[in-house]
Protein backbone atom coordinates (compact mmCIF):
# COMPACT_ATOMS: atom_id res chain seq x y z
CA MET A 1 138.80 -105.21 16.88
CA GLN A 2 137.20 -107.05 13.83
CA ARG A 3 136.13 -104.11 12.39
CA TYR A 4 139.67 -102.59 12.75
CA ASP A 5 141.59 -105.25 11.24
CA GLU A 6 138.81 -105.52 7.96
CA ALA A 7 139.62 -102.38 7.41
CA THR A 8 143.25 -102.21 7.90
CA ALA A 9 143.56 -105.09 5.04
CA TYR A 10 140.93 -103.66 3.07
CA GLN A 11 143.12 -100.18 3.31
CA LYS A 12 146.02 -101.95 1.91
CA THR A 13 144.57 -102.92 -1.12
CA VAL A 14 143.17 -99.64 -2.28
CA ALA A 15 145.67 -96.87 -0.72
CA LYS A 16 149.10 -96.15 -0.75
CA LYS A 17 148.97 -95.54 3.33
CA SER A 18 147.18 -97.26 5.20
CA TRP A 19 146.64 -98.06 8.83
CA GLN A 20 149.15 -100.78 10.29
CA GLY A 21 147.03 -102.28 12.99
CA PHE A 22 146.35 -101.14 16.08
CA ASP A 23 147.08 -102.65 19.52
CA PRO A 24 144.24 -103.70 21.66
CA SER A 25 144.94 -101.33 24.53
CA ILE A 26 144.11 -98.57 22.33
CA VAL A 27 140.47 -100.02 21.73
CA GLU A 28 139.90 -100.81 25.20
CA SER A 29 140.91 -97.52 26.69
CA ALA A 30 138.37 -95.42 24.26
CA ILE A 31 135.49 -98.00 25.34
CA GLU A 32 136.46 -97.41 29.12
CA GLU A 33 136.41 -93.57 28.63
CA GLY A 34 133.18 -93.54 26.95
CA ARG A 35 134.65 -92.39 23.42
CA GLN A 36 134.48 -95.64 21.44
CA TRP A 37 130.98 -95.67 19.08
CA LYS A 38 129.43 -97.82 17.30
CA ILE A 39 126.49 -97.77 14.14
CA VAL A 40 124.26 -100.88 14.54
CA GLU A 41 122.22 -102.19 11.66
CA SER A 42 120.25 -105.27 11.81
CA GLY A 43 121.90 -106.13 14.76
CA GLN A 44 125.21 -106.36 13.39
CA ILE A 45 127.76 -103.61 14.32
CA ALA A 46 128.01 -101.77 10.49
CA CYS A 47 130.38 -99.23 11.80
CA VAL A 48 132.99 -97.87 14.59
CA PHE A 49 134.55 -94.75 15.54
CA THR A 50 136.21 -93.13 18.26
CA LEU A 51 136.11 -89.47 19.34
CA THR A 52 138.57 -87.41 21.13
CA TYR A 53 138.62 -84.03 22.92
CA GLU A 54 142.04 -83.39 22.59
CA ASP A 55 144.40 -83.97 19.94
CA ALA A 56 148.00 -82.53 20.76
CA LEU A 57 150.47 -84.30 18.70
CA ILE A 58 147.82 -83.88 15.38
CA TRP A 59 147.05 -80.63 16.02
CA LYS A 60 149.86 -78.88 18.14
CA GLU A 61 149.02 -75.07 18.61
CA LYS A 62 145.39 -75.48 17.58
CA ASN A 63 144.71 -78.37 20.35
CA LYS A 64 143.41 -75.17 22.40
CA ASP A 65 140.69 -74.92 20.54
CA PRO A 66 137.47 -76.28 22.12
CA ALA A 67 136.79 -79.16 19.49
CA ILE A 68 136.05 -82.96 19.19
CA TYR A 69 138.27 -85.21 17.04
CA ILE A 70 137.08 -88.16 14.95
CA HIS A 71 139.32 -91.31 14.53
CA ARG A 72 139.55 -94.53 13.21
CA ILE A 73 135.97 -94.80 11.20
CA ALA A 74 135.87 -98.42 9.90
CA THR A 75 132.77 -99.90 8.09
CA ASN A 76 131.67 -103.99 8.29
CA PRO A 77 132.66 -104.92 4.71
CA LEU A 78 128.69 -106.22 4.59
CA PHE A 79 127.74 -102.54 4.86
CA ARG A 80 130.66 -100.53 2.54
CA GLY A 81 128.59 -97.75 0.56
CA LYS A 82 126.49 -96.41 2.62
CA ASN A 83 128.02 -93.44 3.50
CA TYR A 84 128.54 -93.57 7.00
CA THR A 85 130.83 -91.12 7.57
CA LYS A 86 127.83 -88.05 6.47
CA THR A 87 126.06 -89.79 9.43
CA ILE A 88 128.98 -89.36 11.92
CA THR A 89 129.81 -86.04 10.78
CA ALA A 90 126.37 -85.31 11.36
CA TRP A 91 125.96 -86.91 14.48
CA SER A 92 129.53 -85.43 15.51
CA LYS A 93 128.33 -81.66 14.91
CA LEU A 94 124.87 -82.49 17.62
CA HIS A 95 127.74 -83.72 19.87
CA ALA A 96 129.80 -80.92 19.80
CA ARG A 97 127.08 -78.02 20.32
CA GLN A 98 126.25 -80.09 22.97
CA HIS A 99 129.45 -80.07 24.35
CA ASN A 100 130.28 -76.68 23.72
CA LYS A 101 132.49 -77.56 21.21
CA ALA A 102 133.03 -74.81 18.26
CA TYR A 103 134.57 -77.13 15.71
CA VAL A 104 134.65 -81.17 14.13
CA ARG A 105 138.34 -82.16 12.95
CA MET A 106 139.51 -84.91 11.59
CA ASP A 107 142.84 -86.14 9.71
CA THR A 108 143.71 -89.05 7.29
CA GLY A 109 146.67 -89.63 5.65
CA SER A 110 147.76 -86.94 2.82
CA GLY A 111 147.94 -87.91 -1.00
CA ASN A 112 144.69 -89.62 -1.32
CA GLU A 113 142.98 -86.83 -3.27
CA LYS A 114 139.75 -89.09 -3.68
CA LEU A 115 139.36 -89.29 -0.07
CA ASN A 116 140.21 -85.60 0.37
CA THR A 117 137.39 -84.65 -2.10
CA TYR A 118 135.08 -87.24 0.16
CA TYR A 119 135.64 -85.67 3.51
CA VAL A 120 134.91 -82.05 1.61
CA SER A 121 131.65 -83.58 0.71
CA CYS A 122 130.80 -84.44 4.29
CA GLY A 123 130.97 -80.57 5.08
CA PHE A 124 134.53 -80.46 6.47
CA LYS A 125 137.14 -77.67 5.26
CA TYR A 126 140.73 -79.10 3.66
CA LEU A 127 143.32 -77.09 6.11
CA GLY A 128 146.27 -78.40 4.24
CA ILE A 129 149.11 -80.95 5.35
CA THR A 130 150.84 -81.22 8.61
CA GLU A 131 154.29 -83.32 9.24
CA MET A 132 153.93 -85.64 12.13
CA VAL A 133 157.02 -84.71 14.95
CA ALA A 134 156.11 -86.27 18.12
CA THR A 135 154.40 -89.60 17.78
CA GLU A 136 154.59 -91.69 20.93
CA GLY A 137 151.22 -92.91 22.07
CA LEU A 138 149.83 -92.66 18.52
CA PRO A 139 149.11 -95.79 16.49
CA ALA A 140 152.10 -97.00 14.13
CA HIS A 141 150.25 -95.63 10.72
CA TYR A 142 151.68 -91.90 12.22
CA HIS A 143 155.24 -92.64 12.66
CA ASN A 144 156.01 -91.87 9.81
CA GLY A 145 154.83 -89.32 7.08
CA SER A 146 152.03 -86.78 6.59
CA PHE A 147 148.42 -86.04 6.92
CA SER A 148 145.87 -83.88 5.84
CA LEU A 149 143.90 -81.90 8.27
CA PHE A 150 139.80 -81.39 7.73
CA GLU A 151 137.57 -78.75 10.00
CA ILE A 152 134.03 -77.93 10.46
CA ASP A 153 134.27 -74.32 11.95
CA MET A 154 130.79 -74.02 13.69
CA SER A 155 132.08 -71.42 16.27
CA ALA A 156 130.23 -68.53 13.80
CA SER A 157 127.00 -70.58 14.05
CA PRO A 158 124.63 -69.29 15.90
CA THR A 159 123.52 -71.68 19.31
CA ILE A 160 120.31 -73.92 18.33
CA GLN A 161 117.86 -74.65 21.53
CA LEU A 162 115.28 -76.65 22.03
CA ALA A 163 111.91 -75.46 23.45
CA LYS A 164 111.06 -77.71 26.38
CA THR A 165 109.20 -75.79 28.42
CA ALA A 166 106.17 -73.30 28.33
CA GLU A 167 108.14 -70.28 28.96
CA ASP A 168 110.36 -71.54 25.85
CA ILE A 169 107.23 -71.80 23.63
CA GLU A 170 106.37 -68.39 24.51
CA LYS A 171 109.68 -67.11 23.94
CA CYS A 172 108.88 -68.72 20.38
CA THR A 173 105.62 -67.31 19.85
CA PRO A 174 106.08 -63.99 17.79
CA VAL A 175 108.20 -66.40 15.35
CA LEU A 176 105.33 -69.03 15.17
CA ARG A 177 102.87 -66.37 14.28
CA ALA A 178 104.92 -64.84 11.88
CA LEU A 179 104.13 -68.12 9.78
CA ARG A 180 100.84 -68.93 11.67
CA PRO A 181 98.83 -65.80 12.21
CA HIS A 182 95.68 -67.80 12.71
CA ILE A 183 96.41 -68.98 16.13
CA THR A 184 96.09 -66.49 18.75
CA ALA A 185 99.39 -66.12 21.39
CA GLU A 186 97.13 -67.23 24.16
CA ALA A 187 96.38 -70.95 22.34
CA LEU A 188 99.43 -71.42 20.64
CA VAL A 189 101.65 -72.58 23.87
CA PRO A 190 98.88 -75.33 25.03
CA MET A 191 99.07 -76.42 21.56
CA VAL A 192 102.51 -76.88 21.01
CA LEU A 193 103.07 -78.61 24.28
CA GLN A 194 100.42 -81.11 23.77
CA MET A 195 101.95 -81.44 19.97
CA ILE A 196 105.46 -81.94 21.90
CA GLU A 197 103.90 -84.94 24.01
CA GLU A 198 103.29 -86.36 20.13
CA GLY A 199 106.19 -86.20 19.10
CA TYR A 200 107.12 -82.61 17.59
CA GLU A 201 110.25 -81.00 18.43
CA LEU A 202 110.47 -77.23 18.14
CA ALA A 203 114.08 -75.55 17.88
CA PHE A 204 115.08 -72.13 17.86
CA ILE A 205 117.84 -69.41 17.52
CA GLU A 206 117.65 -66.69 19.73
CA GLU A 207 119.70 -63.35 19.89
CA ASN A 208 119.68 -60.92 22.77
CA GLY A 209 117.03 -62.71 24.48
CA VAL A 210 114.54 -62.87 21.66
CA ALA A 211 113.68 -65.88 19.61
CA VAL A 212 114.32 -64.61 15.98
CA SER A 213 113.88 -67.86 14.14
CA ALA A 214 112.07 -71.40 14.65
CA ILE A 215 111.71 -74.70 13.29
CA GLY A 216 109.25 -77.64 14.22
CA PHE A 217 109.67 -80.84 13.41
CA ARG A 218 108.88 -84.44 13.88
CA TYR A 219 110.14 -88.13 13.27
CA LEU A 220 107.81 -89.90 10.46
CA GLN A 221 107.41 -93.36 8.89
CA PHE A 222 105.83 -93.99 5.71
CA LEU A 223 106.00 -96.75 3.27
CA PHE A 224 106.70 -94.51 0.28
CA CYS A 225 109.46 -92.74 1.72
CA GLY A 226 110.74 -94.87 4.72
CA LYS A 227 111.93 -92.96 8.03
CA HIS A 228 112.35 -89.59 7.87
CA PHE A 229 111.85 -86.03 9.40
CA TYR A 230 108.98 -83.93 8.61
CA ILE A 231 109.28 -79.91 8.62
CA ASP A 232 105.92 -78.84 9.91
CA ASP A 233 107.19 -74.90 10.57
CA LEU A 234 109.62 -72.83 9.64
CA SER A 235 109.97 -69.23 10.44
CA THR A 236 112.20 -66.10 11.13
CA LEU A 237 111.00 -62.74 12.27
CA PRO A 238 110.13 -60.30 9.62
CA GLU A 239 113.08 -58.03 10.64
CA MET A 240 115.67 -60.79 11.22
CA ARG A 241 115.15 -62.33 7.27
CA GLY A 242 117.77 -62.65 4.58
CA LYS A 243 120.53 -63.44 7.42
CA GLY A 244 120.96 -67.14 6.77
CA HIS A 245 119.20 -68.07 9.72
CA ALA A 246 116.44 -70.50 7.69
CA GLY A 247 119.21 -72.39 6.10
CA ILE A 248 121.04 -73.26 9.41
CA MET A 249 117.67 -74.53 10.84
CA LEU A 250 117.13 -76.37 7.56
CA ASP A 251 121.05 -77.78 8.49
CA TYR A 252 120.41 -78.44 11.39
CA VAL A 253 117.05 -80.97 11.05
CA ALA A 254 118.98 -83.01 8.14
CA ASP A 255 122.12 -82.99 10.54
CA ARG A 256 119.66 -84.57 13.17
CA ALA A 257 118.05 -87.18 10.47
CA ARG A 258 121.23 -88.49 9.08
CA ALA A 259 122.81 -88.52 12.75
CA ALA A 260 119.34 -90.63 13.49
CA GLY A 261 120.37 -92.87 10.38
CA PHE A 262 116.84 -91.43 8.60
CA GLU A 263 116.24 -91.57 5.07
CA ALA A 264 115.00 -88.07 3.92
CA VAL A 265 113.66 -84.91 5.38
CA THR A 266 110.36 -83.74 3.67
CA LEU A 267 108.33 -80.80 4.03
CA ASP A 268 105.28 -79.11 2.48
CA SER A 269 105.38 -75.57 1.78
CA GLY A 270 102.49 -73.16 -0.04
CA HIS A 271 102.62 -72.61 -3.54
CA GLN A 272 102.80 -69.32 -3.49
CA ARG A 273 106.00 -69.19 -0.98
CA HIS A 274 108.68 -68.17 -3.82
CA THR A 275 111.44 -66.98 -1.72
CA ALA A 276 111.10 -70.46 0.38
CA HIS A 277 110.82 -72.78 -2.36
CA ARG A 278 114.11 -70.99 -3.84
CA LEU A 279 115.93 -71.70 -0.53
CA TYR A 280 114.67 -75.10 -0.21
CA LEU A 281 115.53 -76.36 -3.75
CA ASN A 282 119.43 -74.87 -2.71
CA LYS A 283 119.28 -76.83 -0.17
CA GLY A 284 118.96 -79.51 -1.59
CA PHE A 285 115.43 -80.39 -2.02
CA ASP A 286 113.19 -81.52 -4.60
CA ILE A 287 109.26 -81.16 -5.54
CA SER A 288 108.40 -84.54 -5.18
CA SER A 289 104.80 -84.43 -4.84
CA HIS A 290 101.28 -82.81 -4.66
CA HIS A 291 99.80 -81.99 -1.36
CA PHE A 292 96.26 -82.16 -1.56
CA THR A 293 93.63 -80.85 1.57
CA LYS A 294 89.85 -81.88 1.83
CA LYS A 295 88.26 -79.38 4.50
CA LEU A 296 85.49 -81.36 6.23
CA ASN A 297 82.21 -79.82 8.07
CA ARG A 298 82.54 -79.99 11.85
CA VAL A 299 80.70 -83.00 12.80
CA VAL A 300 79.34 -83.24 16.22
CA THR A 301 78.57 -86.87 18.02
CA PRO A 302 75.13 -87.00 19.16
CA HIS A 303 75.32 -88.50 22.38
CA SER A 304 71.81 -90.25 24.41
CA SER A 305 70.41 -88.34 27.03
C-alpha cells in the first residue's frame, strides 16, 4: 500500500487526473489471487503492478478477447526514471504468450498526451477513449470521466517455442545449419544439448511442422557492459527469408532481457553480412566494437605412461 499511497500523492502534483487512493481490500484480493507483482532492486520494492485476465467494465465488448490487462503501476520514488513500464510491458508480453493470450492492454485517464506518448513508446497502440458507464467495484478514480485505451496485438505474431529436447533441436537442425553449415547434422544435436546445460537457450518459430527461424542466446555479465543477453545464432531458412521472422526473434530476446532487468542485448556478426547489419541497425543496435579471434594450434596434453 505504501507504493500506491506514494504514487497517488505524486500524481496529484503532476497530472490533472489522478488516483484517489485504493481500498486495501483491492490489493489484498490481488495478492491472494496471485495477480499482484513486484520488481525488487537492492532489497527494496522498486515497483508494483497488477494483472487481470478480464476487464469488462472498462473494455466492454472487447473483454471477450483473450487478453491480459495491466493495472496500477506504482514506482518507489527512489527508483523513478528507470523505465519500469517498459520492463513490465516486455514481461507481460512473455506472460501473455505463456498463457495463450493474444493481447496486452492497459488504460489511463484521458487527456494526458505526455503519458499517452510514453505508452506508445513502450509498444502500445493508442485505441482512443472510452466513457465509463458502470463503475461498481472499480477504484474511485474510475467513477467519473473518460479513459484512454492502449493495446499490444500479438494475435498475428507467430508462436515462439523454446527447444528443450533432442527432438526439438533436431527439428531446428536445418535452420541452424543454414547459418552454421560447417557443423554436421549428427554433431549439432549433442552440441546444442551440452550448450543448453551451460546456459544456452534456443527459441524457434514453427510453421506447418517445420522450424523456419531460430535464435540462440545466453545470459552473460561483463564488466564493460553489465548484465546482458548475448545472441549466438540467428537464422531463417533461405526460402522463408524476407517475412520478418528474424525481426520477431530479435524483439523476443529484447523482451526477455528487459523482463529480466538486463541492460543490453549484444551480438557479433560477420563483416560481410550486410543485410543482417541493416536489420540490426533498424532494431536499434549500435556497432560498438571490433571482435578479434586468434586461432590456436591444437595442443595435445602429454600423459605419463
